[in-house]
Amino acid sequence: MKILVVGSFRFEMYAKAFYDAFRRLGHEVEKIDTEDFVAKGFLGGTIEKVKHHWLVGSSINVADHALKERVREFKPDLVFMYHCYFFHPSAVQEISRKTTVFSYENDDPFVRRNDKHNSSFYIAAAKYCKMNYVFRRKNVADFATLGIHNVKVLLPYYTETRNFPMACEKDIPLAFVGHWEDDGRDAMIKALLDAGLPFELYGDALSWQNSPLWGDLENIYFGPALGDQYNAVLNRVQVALVFFSRINSDTYTRRCFELPVTKTVMLSEYTEDMDKLWPEDECCVYFRSKEELVHKAARLLDHPEEMKRIAENAFNRLKVLGGSETDRVRQVLADYDAIARGKNPLSES
């Protein structure tokens, strides 16, 4: 099967992960890296942000032409567009007459933010795609209000080459690895510090420095944990906090699949979606208040056998759920096969 993957290959966990997984499963795969159409450097990057916010400029036309030409030359059976915001809907419509087009969006395209690309092209192009995968259930309902119903949740995943168990000492008792949002997560972490619990903080420094509690957190901040260090840190942590982005209306996150593969216990905000994926006190420990967080964190650290049991359960549950990028690609291929057979993959899911 011939597959064209379109998206940014800047980070290995996004379009590149799907490209590699399609190839791993034996398919003939080519790519269009949307980073090729983005000007580099501070000035160029600023200009591109303006272009993509207002959806104007020559780079969009160049991208459209490249997409249409590659489809014409490669003749793919499937075009898989990962987080593609700036192709004109007319370009997607044109290639949809020649091949099957699927899209996937890991952000919430219905949330308007100044720091995000304008999503109007992506939303308008959805009606030309045979399948539109979204990260969260909310977006299925969002698209339905527009009369677009070929929308399906494709859960997040861990990346096999990036997230895996390592033989190392779990010498970090408590940690959070992630960005700061103004949702009270900094106050939650401070409560753990005030209770005298050991804690290490990792993530984007620029975001955390915006926290009004940065002065209290600066001494436990250990850097962004990039590249190989990211997996090493996840493996070293005994208990990892999990918070959800309010901006993106998240009820689970990619890290909820990355942590179990490293046998790290998740101490997470409670959501119904999380509890369905990771049953409470079997595969994950949940907190619903600051006080409960402190109590359950202390209890876990005092009961290493309980931590081991929960970590093993989550690791085994991950196998049942199918949590890797290759598992997600298998789902995509199954949906493609259903459509090719004239079936509705939504009714078969």
Protein backbone atom coordinates (compact mmCIF):
# COMPACT_ATOMS: atom_id res chain seq x y z
CA MET A 1 0.00 0.00 0.00
CA LYS A 2 1.31 3.47 -0.90
CA ILE A 3 0.92 6.11 1.81
CA LEU A 4 1.82 9.80 1.85
CA VAL A 5 2.29 11.29 5.32
CA VAL A 6 1.94 15.07 5.49
CA GLY A 7 2.90 17.10 8.55
CA SER A 8 5.71 18.55 10.60
CA PHE A 9 8.63 16.18 11.11
CA ARG A 10 10.31 18.52 13.59
CA PHE A 11 9.43 16.33 16.58
CA GLU A 12 9.62 12.55 16.49
CA MET A 13 6.34 11.90 18.34
CA TYR A 14 4.03 13.46 15.73
CA ALA A 15 3.97 12.94 11.95
CA LYS A 16 7.36 11.22 12.00
CA ALA A 17 6.08 8.58 14.43
CA PHE A 18 3.25 7.65 12.04
CA TYR A 19 5.57 7.74 9.02
CA ASP A 20 7.97 5.33 10.75
CA ALA A 21 5.13 3.05 11.91
CA PHE A 22 3.60 2.80 8.43
CA ARG A 23 7.02 1.81 7.10
CA ARG A 24 7.57 -0.61 9.98
CA LEU A 25 4.39 -2.40 8.92
CA GLY A 26 5.76 -2.88 5.42
CA HIS A 27 4.10 -0.10 3.42
CA GLU A 28 5.64 2.13 0.76
CA VAL A 29 5.67 5.55 2.40
CA GLU A 30 6.66 9.03 1.30
CA LYS A 31 6.38 12.29 3.18
CA ILE A 32 5.81 15.99 2.87
CA ASP A 33 7.45 17.84 5.75
CA THR A 34 5.51 21.05 6.29
CA GLU A 35 8.57 22.52 8.01
CA ASP A 36 10.03 22.87 4.51
CA PHE A 37 7.53 25.65 3.84
CA VAL A 38 8.29 27.60 7.01
CA ALA A 39 10.89 30.39 7.02
CA LYS A 40 13.61 29.92 9.62
CA GLY A 41 15.20 32.33 12.07
CA PHE A 42 13.60 34.83 14.42
CA LEU A 43 12.36 37.20 11.72
CA GLY A 44 11.25 34.39 9.42
CA GLY A 45 9.50 32.60 12.25
CA THR A 46 7.66 35.76 13.24
CA ILE A 47 6.52 36.31 9.65
CA GLU A 48 5.32 32.71 9.38
CA LYS A 49 3.32 33.04 12.60
CA VAL A 50 1.54 36.04 11.11
CA LYS A 51 0.94 34.20 7.82
CA HIS A 52 -0.46 31.14 9.53
CA HIS A 53 -2.58 33.17 11.92
CA TRP A 54 -4.21 35.06 9.06
CA LEU A 55 -3.78 32.18 6.56
CA VAL A 56 -2.20 34.31 3.86
CA GLY A 57 1.10 34.33 2.01
CA SER A 58 3.12 32.55 -0.64
CA SER A 59 4.22 29.67 1.61
CA ILE A 60 0.63 28.39 1.73
CA ASN A 61 0.39 28.40 -2.05
CA VAL A 62 3.74 26.65 -2.33
CA ALA A 63 2.56 23.98 0.12
CA ASP A 64 -0.66 23.48 -1.84
CA HIS A 65 1.29 22.99 -5.05
CA ALA A 66 3.70 20.54 -3.42
CA LEU A 67 0.82 18.48 -2.03
CA LYS A 68 -0.99 18.26 -5.35
CA GLU A 69 2.19 17.46 -7.28
CA ARG A 70 3.27 14.73 -4.87
CA VAL A 71 -0.15 13.08 -5.07
CA ARG A 72 -0.05 13.27 -8.86
CA GLU A 73 3.44 11.73 -9.05
CA PHE A 74 3.33 9.19 -6.18
CA LYS A 75 -0.32 8.14 -6.63
CA PRO A 76 -0.80 7.14 -2.97
CA ASP A 77 -3.65 4.97 -1.81
CA LEU A 78 -3.86 7.06 1.37
CA VAL A 79 -2.83 10.58 2.28
CA PHE A 80 -2.49 10.93 6.05
CA MET A 81 -2.41 14.60 7.12
CA TYR A 82 -1.14 15.10 10.67
CA HIS A 83 -1.85 18.51 12.24
CA CYS A 84 -2.08 20.32 8.90
CA TYR A 85 -3.55 23.79 9.38
CA PHE A 86 -2.45 25.83 6.41
CA PHE A 87 -3.38 23.92 3.25
CA HIS A 88 -6.24 25.55 1.38
CA PRO A 89 -9.43 23.45 1.60
CA SER A 90 -9.55 23.54 -2.20
CA ALA A 91 -6.19 21.70 -2.33
CA VAL A 92 -7.52 18.97 -0.03
CA GLN A 93 -10.68 18.78 -2.11
CA GLU A 94 -8.63 18.35 -5.30
CA ILE A 95 -6.49 15.50 -3.99
CA SER A 96 -9.57 13.83 -2.44
CA ARG A 97 -10.84 13.24 -5.97
CA LYS A 98 -7.72 11.13 -6.67
CA THR A 99 -7.05 9.34 -3.39
CA THR A 100 -8.33 8.70 0.13
CA VAL A 101 -7.52 11.45 2.61
CA PHE A 102 -7.43 11.02 6.39
CA SER A 103 -6.60 13.79 8.86
CA TYR A 104 -5.48 13.76 12.48
CA GLU A 105 -5.41 16.68 14.90
CA ASN A 106 -3.87 16.42 18.36
CA ASP A 107 -4.78 19.97 19.46
CA ASP A 108 -8.30 21.31 19.97
CA PRO A 109 -8.99 23.20 16.72
CA PHE A 110 -12.14 24.76 18.16
CA VAL A 111 -10.27 26.70 20.84
CA ARG A 112 -9.24 30.17 19.66
CA ARG A 113 -5.80 31.13 20.95
CA ASN A 114 -3.44 33.87 19.87
CA ASP A 115 -0.45 31.54 20.11
CA LYS A 116 -2.01 28.91 17.85
CA HIS A 117 -2.46 28.74 14.09
CA ASN A 118 -5.82 29.73 12.68
CA SER A 119 -7.73 26.46 12.32
CA SER A 120 -10.39 27.61 9.82
CA PHE A 121 -8.69 25.93 6.82
CA TYR A 122 -8.34 22.65 8.72
CA ILE A 123 -11.98 22.67 9.80
CA ALA A 124 -13.23 23.60 6.33
CA ALA A 125 -11.13 20.84 4.73
CA ALA A 126 -12.54 18.17 7.05
CA LYS A 127 -15.53 17.53 4.80
CA TYR A 128 -13.17 16.40 2.02
CA CYS A 129 -11.50 13.78 4.23
CA LYS A 130 -12.85 10.24 4.42
CA MET A 131 -11.88 10.17 8.10
CA ASN A 132 -11.02 12.89 10.59
CA TYR A 133 -9.25 11.67 13.71
CA VAL A 134 -9.33 13.84 16.82
CA PHE A 135 -7.57 13.61 20.17
CA ARG A 136 -10.61 14.23 22.39
CA ARG A 137 -14.30 13.30 22.40
CA LYS A 138 -15.32 16.95 22.67
CA ASN A 139 -14.19 17.54 19.08
CA VAL A 140 -16.47 14.79 17.75
CA ALA A 141 -19.41 16.84 19.04
CA ASP A 142 -17.83 20.08 17.79
CA PHE A 143 -17.63 18.73 14.24
CA ALA A 144 -21.17 17.31 14.48
CA THR A 145 -22.52 20.83 15.01
CA LEU A 146 -21.05 21.65 11.58
CA GLY A 147 -22.68 18.62 9.96
CA ILE A 148 -19.39 16.70 9.75
CA HIS A 149 -19.82 13.22 11.18
CA ASN A 150 -16.92 11.18 9.81
CA VAL A 151 -14.97 12.00 12.97
CA LYS A 152 -13.41 9.51 15.36
CA VAL A 153 -11.25 9.64 18.47
CA LEU A 154 -7.74 8.31 17.97
CA LEU A 155 -6.20 8.07 21.42
CA PRO A 156 -2.72 9.36 22.21
CA TYR A 157 0.17 6.93 22.30
CA TYR A 158 3.73 6.36 23.37
CA THR A 159 6.47 6.23 20.74
CA GLU A 160 8.36 2.95 20.71
CA THR A 161 11.72 4.52 19.87
CA ARG A 162 11.28 7.29 22.45
CA ASN A 163 9.45 5.66 25.39
CA PHE A 164 10.59 2.30 26.73
CA PRO A 165 11.61 0.69 30.03
CA MET A 166 15.22 1.14 31.09
CA ALA A 167 17.29 -0.75 33.62
CA CYS A 168 17.91 2.03 36.11
CA GLU A 169 17.30 2.95 39.72
CA LYS A 170 14.01 4.67 40.45
CA ASP A 171 15.71 7.36 42.50
CA ILE A 172 13.22 10.23 42.00
CA PRO A 173 10.37 9.69 44.48
CA LEU A 174 7.93 12.32 43.15
CA ALA A 175 8.01 14.46 40.02
CA PHE A 176 6.07 16.34 37.41
CA VAL A 177 7.28 16.51 33.82
CA GLY A 178 5.36 19.08 31.78
CA HIS A 179 4.52 22.72 31.23
CA TRP A 180 2.92 25.31 33.50
CA GLU A 181 -0.65 26.46 33.04
CA ASP A 182 -2.56 28.88 35.23
CA ASP A 183 -4.81 26.13 36.57
CA GLY A 184 -3.50 25.64 40.08
CA ARG A 185 -0.92 22.94 39.31
CA ASP A 186 1.81 25.08 40.86
CA ALA A 187 -0.17 25.38 44.10
CA MET A 188 -0.65 21.60 44.10
CA ILE A 189 3.10 21.07 43.83
CA LYS A 190 3.78 23.65 46.54
CA ALA A 191 1.39 21.77 48.86
CA LEU A 192 3.58 18.68 48.43
CA LEU A 193 6.67 20.73 49.27
CA ASP A 194 4.97 22.27 52.29
CA ALA A 195 4.21 18.73 53.49
CA GLY A 196 7.92 17.94 53.33
CA LEU A 197 7.68 15.49 50.43
CA PRO A 198 10.63 15.15 48.03
CA PHE A 199 9.84 16.53 44.58
CA GLU A 200 11.52 17.28 41.25
CA LEU A 201 10.06 19.49 38.53
CA TYR A 202 10.87 19.19 34.81
CA GLY A 203 9.47 21.08 31.84
CA ASP A 204 9.69 24.25 29.81
CA ALA A 205 11.46 26.89 31.90
CA LEU A 206 9.81 29.83 30.14
CA SER A 207 6.35 28.56 31.01
CA TRP A 208 7.19 27.77 34.64
CA GLN A 209 8.81 31.15 35.18
CA ASN A 210 5.37 32.65 34.53
CA SER A 211 4.02 30.95 37.63
CA PRO A 212 3.41 33.33 40.55
CA LEU A 213 4.91 30.59 42.72
CA TRP A 214 8.13 30.30 40.71
CA GLY A 215 10.12 31.56 43.68
CA ASP A 216 8.95 28.54 45.66
CA LEU A 217 9.52 26.10 42.80
CA GLU A 218 12.81 27.30 41.34
CA ASN A 219 14.93 25.21 43.70
CA ILE A 220 13.21 21.96 42.65
CA TYR A 221 13.36 22.71 38.92
CA PHE A 222 15.77 20.38 37.09
CA GLY A 223 15.41 21.47 33.46
CA PRO A 224 13.29 20.63 30.43
CA ALA A 225 14.23 16.91 30.08
CA LEU A 226 14.75 16.83 26.33
CA GLY A 227 15.80 14.05 23.97
CA ASP A 228 17.10 10.90 25.63
CA GLN A 229 16.88 12.58 29.03
CA TYR A 230 13.09 12.60 28.78
CA ASN A 231 12.78 8.82 28.78
CA ALA A 232 15.53 8.51 31.38
CA VAL A 233 13.66 10.82 33.76
CA LEU A 234 10.34 9.01 33.28
CA ASN A 235 12.08 5.73 34.08
CA ARG A 236 13.74 7.12 37.22
CA VAL A 237 10.51 8.50 38.71
CA GLN A 238 8.57 6.39 41.19
CA VAL A 239 5.39 8.49 41.21
CA ALA A 240 4.61 11.06 38.50
CA LEU A 241 1.91 13.71 38.77
CA VAL A 242 -0.49 14.06 35.86
CA PHE A 243 -2.31 17.33 35.14
CA PHE A 244 -4.58 18.10 32.18
CA SER A 245 -4.50 21.11 29.93
CA ARG A 246 -7.60 23.23 30.50
CA ILE A 247 -6.74 25.23 27.38
CA ASN A 248 -7.10 22.10 25.24
CA SER A 249 -10.03 20.66 27.24
CA ASP A 250 -7.97 17.53 27.89
CA THR A 251 -9.30 14.60 29.92
CA TYR A 252 -6.17 12.51 29.29
CA THR A 253 -2.80 13.26 27.78
CA ARG A 254 0.01 11.62 25.82
CA ARG A 255 2.00 11.17 29.02
CA CYS A 256 -0.74 8.84 30.32
CA PHE A 257 0.55 6.32 27.78
CA GLU A 258 4.24 7.16 28.14
CA LEU A 259 4.40 6.70 31.93
CA PRO A 260 2.96 3.16 32.15
CA VAL A 261 5.51 1.83 29.66
CA THR A 262 8.28 3.00 32.04
CA LYS A 263 6.50 1.37 35.03
CA THR A 264 6.06 4.72 36.73
CA VAL A 265 2.97 5.15 38.90
CA MET A 266 0.57 7.87 37.75
CA LEU A 267 -0.88 10.12 40.46
CA SER A 268 -3.44 11.94 38.36
CA GLU A 269 -6.24 14.43 38.44
CA TYR A 270 -9.46 12.43 38.20
CA THR A 271 -11.48 12.34 34.99
CA GLU A 272 -14.04 9.78 33.83
CA ASP A 273 -12.06 9.15 30.66
CA MET A 274 -8.91 8.42 32.64
CA ASP A 275 -10.73 6.07 34.98
CA LYS A 276 -12.07 4.11 32.00
CA LEU A 277 -8.58 3.79 30.57
CA TRP A 278 -6.77 3.27 33.87
CA PRO A 279 -9.11 1.95 36.62
CA GLU A 280 -8.71 3.69 39.96
CA ASP A 281 -6.29 2.18 42.48
CA GLU A 282 -5.61 -0.68 40.09
CA CYS A 283 -3.71 1.07 37.31
CA CYS A 284 -3.66 4.68 38.49
CA VAL A 285 -4.15 6.70 41.68
CA TYR A 286 -6.42 9.75 41.45
CA PHE A 287 -6.75 12.94 43.46
CA ARG A 288 -9.68 15.35 43.51
CA SER A 289 -8.28 17.98 45.85
CA LYS A 290 -5.00 19.38 47.12
CA GLU A 291 -5.46 17.56 50.42
CA GLU A 292 -6.10 14.24 48.69
CA LEU A 293 -3.04 14.73 46.51
CA VAL A 294 -0.77 15.22 49.54
CA HIS A 295 -2.31 12.29 51.41
CA LYS A 296 -2.08 9.85 48.48
CA ALA A 297 1.44 10.91 47.50
CA ALA A 298 2.69 10.32 51.03
CA ARG A 299 0.89 7.00 51.26
CA LEU A 300 2.34 5.72 47.99
CA LEU A 301 5.89 6.59 49.01
CA ASP A 302 5.34 4.77 52.31
CA HIS A 303 4.12 1.62 50.52
CA PRO A 304 6.63 0.55 47.83
CA GLU A 305 4.88 -2.79 47.25
CA GLU A 306 1.66 -0.93 46.45
CA MET A 307 3.54 1.25 43.97
CA LYS A 308 5.02 -1.82 42.32
CA ARG A 309 1.59 -3.48 42.03
CA ILE A 310 -0.04 -0.44 40.42
CA ALA A 311 2.89 0.12 38.05
CA GLU A 312 2.80 -3.51 36.89
CA ASN A 313 -0.98 -3.38 36.42
CA ALA A 314 -0.70 -0.26 34.28
CA PHE A 315 2.12 -1.77 32.23
CA ASN A 316 -0.03 -4.83 31.51
CA ARG A 317 -3.12 -2.70 30.87
CA LEU A 318 -1.14 -0.80 28.23
CA LYS A 319 -0.77 -4.04 26.27
CA VAL A 320 -4.53 -4.56 26.36
CA LEU A 321 -5.30 -1.00 25.26
CA GLY A 322 -2.65 -1.02 22.54
CA GLY A 323 -0.78 2.14 23.39
CA SER A 324 2.01 2.60 20.85
CA GLU A 325 2.09 4.63 17.68
CA THR A 326 2.19 1.34 15.75
CA ASP A 327 -1.06 0.32 17.43
CA ARG A 328 -2.65 3.59 16.33
CA VAL A 329 -1.43 3.08 12.76
CA ARG A 330 -2.99 -0.39 12.78
CA GLN A 331 -6.29 1.28 13.72
CA VAL A 332 -5.89 3.73 10.83
CA LEU A 333 -5.21 0.89 8.40
CA ALA A 334 -8.22 -1.05 9.67
CA ASP A 335 -10.42 1.99 9.05
CA TYR A 336 -8.95 2.40 5.57
CA ASP A 337 -9.69 -1.25 4.84
CA ALA A 338 -13.27 -0.86 6.07
CA ILE A 339 -13.82 2.15 3.81
CA ALA A 340 -12.26 0.30 0.86
CA ARG A 341 -14.77 -2.52 1.46
CA GLY A 342 -17.65 -0.03 1.49
CA LYS A 343 -18.12 -0.30 5.26
CA ASN A 344 -18.50 2.49 7.80
CA PRO A 345 -15.55 2.33 10.23
CA LEU A 346 -17.52 4.42 12.72
CA SER A 347 -20.12 1.69 13.05
CA GLU A 348 -17.43 -0.99 13.30
CA SER A 349 -15.51 0.76 16.08
